[in-house]
């Protein structure tokens, strides 16, 4: 039996292997923090929570202090740390574009919550992203 992928037919067994791989993908999520909860302004946070996950749960959390604020610095710095996703309250369009260039997914307009709660919401596809709090 074959599955149509749009590119070329692949066996069902191969498609199942790929599907299982996708389900088991690990994420490394960066969340800017101020006083232990989501910081509404991404570039001026006190710390980042770097949260490691498997497909369904949080497997670890590390708190890191960012370098002094410079426009455009944080996307490369977080990419060097292996980040795959960023959850933010607000972020400027330039920063979003720089993250996209690094192949990092950006979720803006997240509610003010603890980092692990936001990461779990992302994993469960229940992260409510509202308006971007940033206007630049």
N, C-alpha and C. Protein backbone atom coordinates (compact mmCIF):
# COMPACT_ATOMS: atom_id res chain seq x y z
N UNK A 1 0.84 -1.17 0.00
CA UNK A 1 0.00 0.00 0.00
C UNK A 1 0.89 1.24 0.00
N UNK A 2 0.45 2.28 -0.69
CA UNK A 2 1.22 3.51 -0.80
C UNK A 2 0.40 4.71 -0.36
N UNK A 3 1.10 5.72 0.12
CA UNK A 3 0.47 6.96 0.56
C UNK A 3 0.90 8.05 -0.41
N UNK A 4 -0.06 8.86 -0.87
CA UNK A 4 0.26 9.96 -1.77
C UNK A 4 0.73 11.15 -0.95
N UNK A 5 1.96 11.63 -1.21
CA UNK A 5 2.52 12.76 -0.47
C UNK A 5 2.54 14.03 -1.28
N UNK A 6 2.19 13.96 -2.54
CA UNK A 6 2.29 15.12 -3.40
C UNK A 6 3.61 15.17 -4.13
N UNK A 7 4.60 14.42 -3.64
CA UNK A 7 5.90 14.38 -4.29
C UNK A 7 6.09 13.08 -5.05
N UNK A 8 5.99 11.98 -4.35
CA UNK A 8 6.06 10.66 -4.96
C UNK A 8 5.43 9.68 -3.98
N UNK A 9 4.93 8.61 -4.47
CA UNK A 9 4.32 7.64 -3.56
C UNK A 9 5.36 7.05 -2.61
N UNK A 10 4.97 6.87 -1.34
CA UNK A 10 5.84 6.21 -0.37
C UNK A 10 5.04 5.09 0.27
N UNK A 11 5.76 4.09 0.75
CA UNK A 11 5.07 2.98 1.38
C UNK A 11 4.39 3.44 2.66
N UNK A 12 3.35 2.74 3.04
CA UNK A 12 2.64 3.05 4.28
C UNK A 12 3.57 2.91 5.47
N UNK A 13 4.43 1.90 5.48
CA UNK A 13 5.38 1.71 6.58
C UNK A 13 6.30 2.91 6.72
N UNK A 14 6.77 3.43 5.60
CA UNK A 14 7.65 4.60 5.63
C UNK A 14 6.87 5.81 6.14
N UNK A 15 5.63 5.97 5.71
CA UNK A 15 4.81 7.09 6.16
C UNK A 15 4.58 7.02 7.66
N UNK A 16 4.39 5.82 8.21
CA UNK A 16 4.19 5.65 9.65
C UNK A 16 5.46 6.03 10.40
N UNK A 17 6.61 5.65 9.89
CA UNK A 17 7.89 6.00 10.52
C UNK A 17 8.04 7.52 10.56
N UNK A 18 7.75 8.18 9.46
CA UNK A 18 7.86 9.65 9.41
C UNK A 18 6.86 10.27 10.39
N UNK A 19 5.64 9.77 10.43
CA UNK A 19 4.63 10.30 11.34
C UNK A 19 5.07 10.16 12.79
N UNK A 20 5.62 9.00 13.16
CA UNK A 20 6.11 8.80 14.53
C UNK A 20 7.27 9.75 14.83
N UNK A 21 8.13 9.98 13.85
CA UNK A 21 9.23 10.92 14.05
C UNK A 21 8.70 12.32 14.34
N UNK A 22 7.72 12.74 13.55
CA UNK A 22 7.15 14.07 13.75
C UNK A 22 6.51 14.17 15.13
N UNK A 23 5.80 13.15 15.56
CA UNK A 23 5.15 13.17 16.87
C UNK A 23 6.16 13.23 18.01
N UNK A 24 7.34 12.64 17.80
CA UNK A 24 8.35 12.61 18.84
C UNK A 24 9.35 13.74 18.75
N UNK A 25 9.06 14.72 17.93
CA UNK A 25 9.99 15.83 17.80
C UNK A 25 10.12 16.56 19.12
N UNK A 26 11.35 16.90 19.40
CA UNK A 26 11.63 17.66 20.61
C UNK A 26 11.65 19.13 20.28
N UNK A 27 11.19 19.93 21.21
CA UNK A 27 11.22 21.38 21.06
C UNK A 27 12.08 21.95 22.17
N UNK A 28 12.68 23.07 21.87
CA UNK A 28 13.38 23.87 22.88
C UNK A 28 12.75 25.26 22.79
N UNK A 29 11.99 25.61 23.81
CA UNK A 29 11.16 26.81 23.79
C UNK A 29 11.79 27.88 24.68
N UNK A 30 11.95 29.08 24.13
CA UNK A 30 12.46 30.21 24.90
C UNK A 30 11.29 31.12 25.27
N UNK A 31 11.25 31.51 26.54
CA UNK A 31 10.19 32.38 27.03
C UNK A 31 10.84 33.48 27.87
N UNK A 32 10.64 34.76 27.47
CA UNK A 32 11.22 35.86 28.25
C UNK A 32 10.46 36.04 29.57
N UNK A 33 11.22 36.22 30.65
CA UNK A 33 10.61 36.31 31.98
C UNK A 33 10.96 37.61 32.69
N UNK A 34 10.01 38.05 33.51
CA UNK A 34 10.22 39.13 34.45
C UNK A 34 9.52 38.71 35.73
N UNK A 35 10.27 38.62 36.81
CA UNK A 35 9.73 38.17 38.10
C UNK A 35 9.05 36.80 37.99
N UNK A 36 9.61 35.91 37.17
CA UNK A 36 9.14 34.53 37.08
C UNK A 36 7.96 34.27 36.17
N UNK A 37 7.42 35.32 35.53
CA UNK A 37 6.31 35.12 34.59
C UNK A 37 6.66 35.78 33.26
N UNK A 38 5.84 35.53 32.26
CA UNK A 38 6.10 36.07 30.93
C UNK A 38 6.28 37.58 30.98
N UNK A 39 7.37 38.04 30.39
CA UNK A 39 7.64 39.48 30.30
C UNK A 39 6.93 40.01 29.05
N UNK A 40 6.19 41.08 29.21
CA UNK A 40 5.41 41.59 28.08
C UNK A 40 6.26 42.23 27.00
N UNK A 41 7.48 42.62 27.32
CA UNK A 41 8.36 43.20 26.29
C UNK A 41 9.57 42.30 26.12
N UNK A 42 9.59 41.58 25.03
CA UNK A 42 10.58 40.54 24.75
C UNK A 42 12.02 41.00 24.95
N UNK A 43 12.41 42.13 24.39
CA UNK A 43 13.81 42.56 24.38
C UNK A 43 14.33 43.09 25.69
N UNK A 44 13.47 43.26 26.68
CA UNK A 44 13.91 43.85 27.95
C UNK A 44 13.62 42.94 29.14
N UNK A 45 13.68 41.63 28.93
CA UNK A 45 13.38 40.70 30.01
C UNK A 45 14.59 40.54 30.94
N UNK A 46 14.32 40.03 32.15
CA UNK A 46 15.37 39.76 33.13
C UNK A 46 16.07 38.43 32.83
N UNK A 47 15.30 37.45 32.40
CA UNK A 47 15.80 36.10 32.14
C UNK A 47 15.00 35.48 31.02
N UNK A 48 15.55 34.39 30.49
CA UNK A 48 14.80 33.52 29.59
C UNK A 48 14.68 32.16 30.24
N UNK A 49 13.50 31.59 30.18
CA UNK A 49 13.33 30.18 30.50
C UNK A 49 13.56 29.44 29.19
N UNK A 50 14.49 28.51 29.19
CA UNK A 50 14.72 27.63 28.04
C UNK A 50 14.13 26.29 28.45
N UNK A 51 13.04 25.91 27.81
CA UNK A 51 12.29 24.72 28.20
C UNK A 51 12.46 23.64 27.15
N UNK A 52 12.95 22.50 27.59
CA UNK A 52 13.08 21.33 26.71
C UNK A 52 11.84 20.47 26.84
N UNK A 53 11.37 19.97 25.69
CA UNK A 53 10.15 19.16 25.69
C UNK A 53 10.32 17.96 24.77
N UNK A 54 9.49 16.96 25.00
CA UNK A 54 9.27 15.94 23.99
C UNK A 54 7.93 16.28 23.37
N UNK A 55 7.31 15.38 22.71
CA UNK A 55 6.07 15.72 22.00
C UNK A 55 4.90 16.03 22.92
N UNK A 56 4.97 15.60 24.19
CA UNK A 56 3.81 15.78 25.06
C UNK A 56 4.10 16.40 26.42
N UNK A 57 5.37 16.57 26.80
CA UNK A 57 5.63 17.06 28.15
C UNK A 57 6.93 17.85 28.24
N UNK A 58 7.04 18.59 29.32
CA UNK A 58 8.27 19.33 29.63
C UNK A 58 9.27 18.35 30.22
N UNK A 59 10.49 18.35 29.69
CA UNK A 59 11.53 17.45 30.18
C UNK A 59 12.63 18.19 30.94
N UNK A 60 12.64 19.51 30.86
CA UNK A 60 13.65 20.27 31.59
C UNK A 60 13.45 21.76 31.39
N UNK A 61 14.01 22.53 32.33
CA UNK A 61 13.93 23.98 32.24
C UNK A 61 15.23 24.57 32.79
N UNK A 62 15.78 25.52 32.04
CA UNK A 62 16.98 26.24 32.45
C UNK A 62 16.68 27.73 32.37
N UNK A 63 17.10 28.48 33.38
CA UNK A 63 16.96 29.93 33.35
C UNK A 63 18.31 30.53 32.96
N UNK A 64 18.29 31.41 31.95
CA UNK A 64 19.52 32.05 31.49
C UNK A 64 19.31 33.56 31.46
N UNK A 65 20.38 34.28 31.76
CA UNK A 65 20.35 35.74 31.71
C UNK A 65 20.81 36.18 30.32
N UNK A 66 20.02 37.00 29.66
CA UNK A 66 20.39 37.42 28.30
C UNK A 66 21.52 38.45 28.33
N UNK A 67 22.21 38.59 27.20
CA UNK A 67 23.20 39.65 27.11
C UNK A 67 22.51 41.00 27.15
N UNK A 68 23.26 42.09 27.38
CA UNK A 68 22.64 43.42 27.37
C UNK A 68 21.88 43.66 26.06
N UNK A 69 20.77 44.37 26.18
CA UNK A 69 19.89 44.57 25.03
C UNK A 69 20.58 45.33 23.89
N UNK A 70 20.54 44.73 22.73
CA UNK A 70 20.95 45.35 21.47
C UNK A 70 19.95 44.89 20.43
N UNK A 71 19.39 45.80 19.65
CA UNK A 71 18.43 45.37 18.63
C UNK A 71 19.05 44.31 17.70
N UNK A 72 18.32 43.23 17.51
CA UNK A 72 18.74 42.17 16.59
C UNK A 72 19.66 41.12 17.17
N UNK A 73 20.09 41.26 18.41
CA UNK A 73 21.05 40.32 19.01
C UNK A 73 20.40 39.01 19.48
N UNK A 74 19.24 39.09 20.10
CA UNK A 74 18.66 37.91 20.76
C UNK A 74 18.30 36.76 19.82
N UNK A 75 17.81 36.99 18.60
CA UNK A 75 17.50 35.84 17.75
C UNK A 75 18.72 34.94 17.49
N UNK A 76 19.87 35.52 17.19
CA UNK A 76 21.07 34.71 16.98
C UNK A 76 21.55 34.05 18.25
N UNK A 77 21.48 34.76 19.37
CA UNK A 77 21.89 34.23 20.66
C UNK A 77 21.04 33.01 21.05
N UNK A 78 19.73 33.13 20.86
CA UNK A 78 18.85 32.00 21.20
C UNK A 78 19.01 30.86 20.20
N UNK A 79 19.26 31.17 18.94
CA UNK A 79 19.51 30.11 17.94
C UNK A 79 20.74 29.30 18.32
N UNK A 80 21.78 29.97 18.82
CA UNK A 80 22.99 29.26 19.27
C UNK A 80 22.69 28.31 20.42
N UNK A 81 21.65 28.58 21.17
CA UNK A 81 21.25 27.72 22.29
C UNK A 81 20.32 26.60 21.85
N UNK A 82 20.05 26.52 20.54
CA UNK A 82 19.22 25.43 20.02
C UNK A 82 17.74 25.65 20.13
N UNK A 83 17.31 26.88 20.35
CA UNK A 83 15.89 27.17 20.49
C UNK A 83 15.16 26.92 19.17
N UNK A 84 13.99 26.28 19.27
CA UNK A 84 13.15 26.00 18.09
C UNK A 84 11.91 26.88 18.04
N UNK A 85 11.49 27.37 19.23
CA UNK A 85 10.26 28.15 19.33
C UNK A 85 10.44 29.24 20.38
N UNK A 86 9.76 30.37 20.17
CA UNK A 86 9.75 31.46 21.14
C UNK A 86 8.29 31.82 21.42
N UNK A 87 7.97 31.94 22.69
CA UNK A 87 6.66 32.43 23.11
C UNK A 87 6.88 33.80 23.73
N UNK A 88 6.16 34.80 23.25
CA UNK A 88 6.35 36.16 23.74
C UNK A 88 5.02 36.88 23.90
N UNK A 89 5.05 37.91 24.72
CA UNK A 89 3.89 38.78 24.83
C UNK A 89 3.89 39.76 23.67
N UNK A 90 5.01 40.46 23.53
CA UNK A 90 5.15 41.42 22.45
C UNK A 90 6.55 41.36 21.87
N UNK A 91 6.63 41.63 20.57
CA UNK A 91 7.91 41.59 19.88
C UNK A 91 7.80 42.43 18.62
N UNK A 92 8.85 43.19 18.33
CA UNK A 92 8.88 43.99 17.12
C UNK A 92 8.97 43.14 15.87
N UNK A 93 8.50 43.68 14.76
CA UNK A 93 8.48 42.94 13.50
C UNK A 93 9.89 42.56 13.04
N UNK A 94 10.87 43.43 13.28
CA UNK A 94 12.25 43.10 12.88
C UNK A 94 12.73 41.85 13.60
N UNK A 95 12.47 41.76 14.90
CA UNK A 95 12.87 40.58 15.67
C UNK A 95 12.16 39.33 15.16
N UNK A 96 10.88 39.45 14.86
CA UNK A 96 10.14 38.31 14.31
C UNK A 96 10.78 37.84 13.02
N UNK A 97 11.12 38.78 12.14
CA UNK A 97 11.77 38.41 10.88
C UNK A 97 13.12 37.75 11.11
N UNK A 98 13.89 38.25 12.08
CA UNK A 98 15.20 37.65 12.37
C UNK A 98 15.04 36.23 12.92
N UNK A 99 14.04 36.00 13.75
CA UNK A 99 13.78 34.64 14.22
C UNK A 99 13.39 33.74 13.06
N UNK A 100 12.54 34.24 12.18
CA UNK A 100 12.13 33.43 11.02
C UNK A 100 13.33 33.07 10.16
N UNK A 101 14.29 33.97 10.01
CA UNK A 101 15.50 33.67 9.26
C UNK A 101 16.32 32.57 9.92
N UNK A 102 16.21 32.45 11.24
CA UNK A 102 16.91 31.41 12.00
C UNK A 102 16.09 30.11 12.06
N UNK A 103 14.94 30.08 11.38
CA UNK A 103 14.03 28.92 11.39
C UNK A 103 13.46 28.65 12.79
N UNK A 104 13.22 29.73 13.54
CA UNK A 104 12.63 29.63 14.87
C UNK A 104 11.19 30.14 14.78
N UNK A 105 10.25 29.33 15.27
CA UNK A 105 8.84 29.71 15.28
C UNK A 105 8.59 30.74 16.37
N UNK A 106 7.76 31.73 16.09
CA UNK A 106 7.46 32.80 17.04
C UNK A 106 5.96 32.84 17.30
N UNK A 107 5.60 32.87 18.58
CA UNK A 107 4.21 32.98 19.00
C UNK A 107 4.11 34.24 19.86
N UNK A 108 3.42 35.26 19.37
CA UNK A 108 3.30 36.52 20.10
C UNK A 108 1.87 36.71 20.61
N UNK A 109 1.74 37.59 21.60
CA UNK A 109 0.43 37.86 22.17
C UNK A 109 0.03 36.83 23.21
N UNK A 110 1.01 36.10 23.75
CA UNK A 110 0.71 35.08 24.75
C UNK A 110 0.26 35.73 26.05
N UNK A 111 -0.56 35.04 26.82
CA UNK A 111 -1.01 35.59 28.10
C UNK A 111 0.11 35.57 29.14
N UNK A 112 0.00 36.42 30.13
CA UNK A 112 0.99 36.49 31.22
C UNK A 112 0.77 35.28 32.13
N UNK A 113 1.69 34.31 32.01
CA UNK A 113 1.61 33.07 32.79
C UNK A 113 3.02 32.60 33.10
N UNK A 114 3.14 31.56 33.90
CA UNK A 114 4.42 30.92 34.16
C UNK A 114 4.91 30.20 32.91
N UNK A 115 6.23 30.11 32.79
CA UNK A 115 6.83 29.55 31.57
C UNK A 115 6.41 28.11 31.29
N UNK A 116 6.40 27.26 32.30
CA UNK A 116 6.02 25.86 32.07
C UNK A 116 4.57 25.75 31.60
N UNK A 117 3.71 26.59 32.14
CA UNK A 117 2.30 26.57 31.73
C UNK A 117 2.18 26.97 30.25
N UNK A 118 2.95 27.97 29.84
CA UNK A 118 2.92 28.39 28.43
C UNK A 118 3.46 27.29 27.52
N UNK A 119 4.53 26.63 27.95
CA UNK A 119 5.10 25.54 27.15
C UNK A 119 4.11 24.39 27.00
N UNK A 120 3.43 24.05 28.08
CA UNK A 120 2.44 22.97 28.02
C UNK A 120 1.28 23.37 27.12
N UNK A 121 0.87 24.64 27.20
CA UNK A 121 -0.19 25.11 26.30
C UNK A 121 0.25 24.96 24.84
N UNK A 122 1.50 25.30 24.53
CA UNK A 122 1.99 25.16 23.16
C UNK A 122 1.97 23.70 22.72
N UNK A 123 2.45 22.81 23.57
CA UNK A 123 2.47 21.38 23.24
C UNK A 123 1.07 20.82 23.03
N UNK A 124 0.11 21.33 23.80
CA UNK A 124 -1.27 20.85 23.70
C UNK A 124 -2.10 21.59 22.66
N UNK A 125 -1.45 22.49 21.91
CA UNK A 125 -2.13 23.31 20.91
C UNK A 125 -3.26 24.14 21.52
N UNK A 126 -3.05 24.59 22.76
CA UNK A 126 -4.05 25.43 23.42
C UNK A 126 -3.50 26.81 23.78
N UNK A 127 -2.32 27.14 23.26
CA UNK A 127 -1.74 28.45 23.54
C UNK A 127 -2.60 29.52 22.88
N UNK A 128 -3.11 30.43 23.71
CA UNK A 128 -3.94 31.49 23.14
C UNK A 128 -3.06 32.69 22.87
N UNK A 129 -2.88 32.97 21.61
CA UNK A 129 -2.08 34.12 21.19
C UNK A 129 -3.04 35.22 20.80
N UNK A 130 -2.87 36.37 21.43
CA UNK A 130 -3.73 37.51 21.16
C UNK A 130 -2.96 38.55 20.37
N UNK A 131 -3.24 39.79 20.66
CA UNK A 131 -2.58 40.90 19.98
C UNK A 131 -1.12 40.99 20.43
N UNK A 132 -0.26 41.36 19.51
CA UNK A 132 1.15 41.60 19.81
C UNK A 132 1.23 42.85 20.68
N UNK A 133 1.81 42.72 21.88
CA UNK A 133 1.88 43.84 22.81
C UNK A 133 2.85 44.91 22.37
N UNK A 134 3.68 44.61 21.38
CA UNK A 134 4.73 45.54 20.96
C UNK A 134 4.26 46.36 19.76
N UNK A 135 4.64 47.63 19.73
CA UNK A 135 4.20 48.48 18.63
C UNK A 135 5.35 48.95 17.76
N UNK A 136 6.51 48.29 17.84
CA UNK A 136 7.62 48.66 16.96
C UNK A 136 8.24 47.45 16.30
